[in-house]
Amino acid sequence: MTEEPGFRIVVDDGQLDLIAFEKALDAARRCDTADGEAAAPEVALDV
């Protein structure tokens, strides 16, 4: 779609790695266990 002065791309949340990364990072921040806290950032970085 063209829009002045350039283009607009319309995507769903699931199509953006940034959204998946932020969700994984948020999950890491809410973890109750040390194992979960250690594993969650790795999951986020795998995005």
Protein backbone atom coordinates (compact mmCIF):
# COMPACT_ATOMS: atom_id res chain seq x y z
CA MET A 1 0.00 0.00 0.00
CA THR A 2 1.40 3.41 -0.90
CA GLU A 3 1.11 6.28 1.52
CA GLU A 4 2.78 9.66 1.40
CA PRO A 5 5.75 9.98 1.69
CA GLY A 6 6.46 6.22 1.36
CA PHE A 7 4.96 2.80 1.98
CA ARG A 8 2.99 1.18 4.78
CA ILE A 9 3.26 -2.52 5.53
CA VAL A 10 0.41 -4.08 7.46
CA VAL A 11 1.28 -7.25 9.38
CA ASP A 12 -0.22 -9.30 12.21
CA ASP A 13 1.54 -9.46 15.59
CA GLY A 14 2.59 -13.06 14.93
CA GLN A 15 4.51 -12.00 11.85
CA LEU A 16 7.00 -9.82 13.72
CA ASP A 17 10.03 -11.32 15.49
CA LEU A 18 10.07 -8.26 17.75
CA ILE A 19 6.68 -9.16 19.20
CA ALA A 20 7.74 -12.77 19.85
CA PHE A 21 10.99 -11.56 21.42
CA GLU A 22 9.18 -9.11 23.71
CA LYS A 23 6.72 -11.83 24.79
CA ALA A 24 9.57 -14.24 25.60
CA LEU A 25 11.45 -11.52 27.47
CA ASP A 26 8.31 -10.67 29.44
CA ALA A 27 7.90 -14.36 30.31
CA ALA A 28 11.49 -14.42 31.57
CA ARG A 29 10.80 -11.46 33.82
CA ARG A 30 7.77 -13.23 35.31
CA CYS A 31 9.50 -16.61 35.92
CA ASP A 32 9.26 -18.06 39.39
CA THR A 33 12.26 -20.39 39.16
CA ALA A 34 15.96 -19.88 38.51
CA ASP A 35 15.85 -22.52 35.74
CA GLY A 36 13.04 -20.69 33.99
CA GLU A 37 14.81 -17.35 34.36
CA ALA A 38 17.96 -18.80 32.83
CA ALA A 39 16.18 -20.52 29.92
CA ALA A 40 13.73 -17.78 28.93
CA PRO A 41 16.30 -15.29 27.52
CA GLU A 42 17.75 -18.09 25.37
CA VAL A 43 14.26 -18.73 23.99
CA ALA A 44 13.90 -15.01 23.26
CA LEU A 45 17.25 -14.91 21.49
CA ASP A 46 16.31 -17.94 19.36
CA VAL A 47 13.57 -15.81 17.77
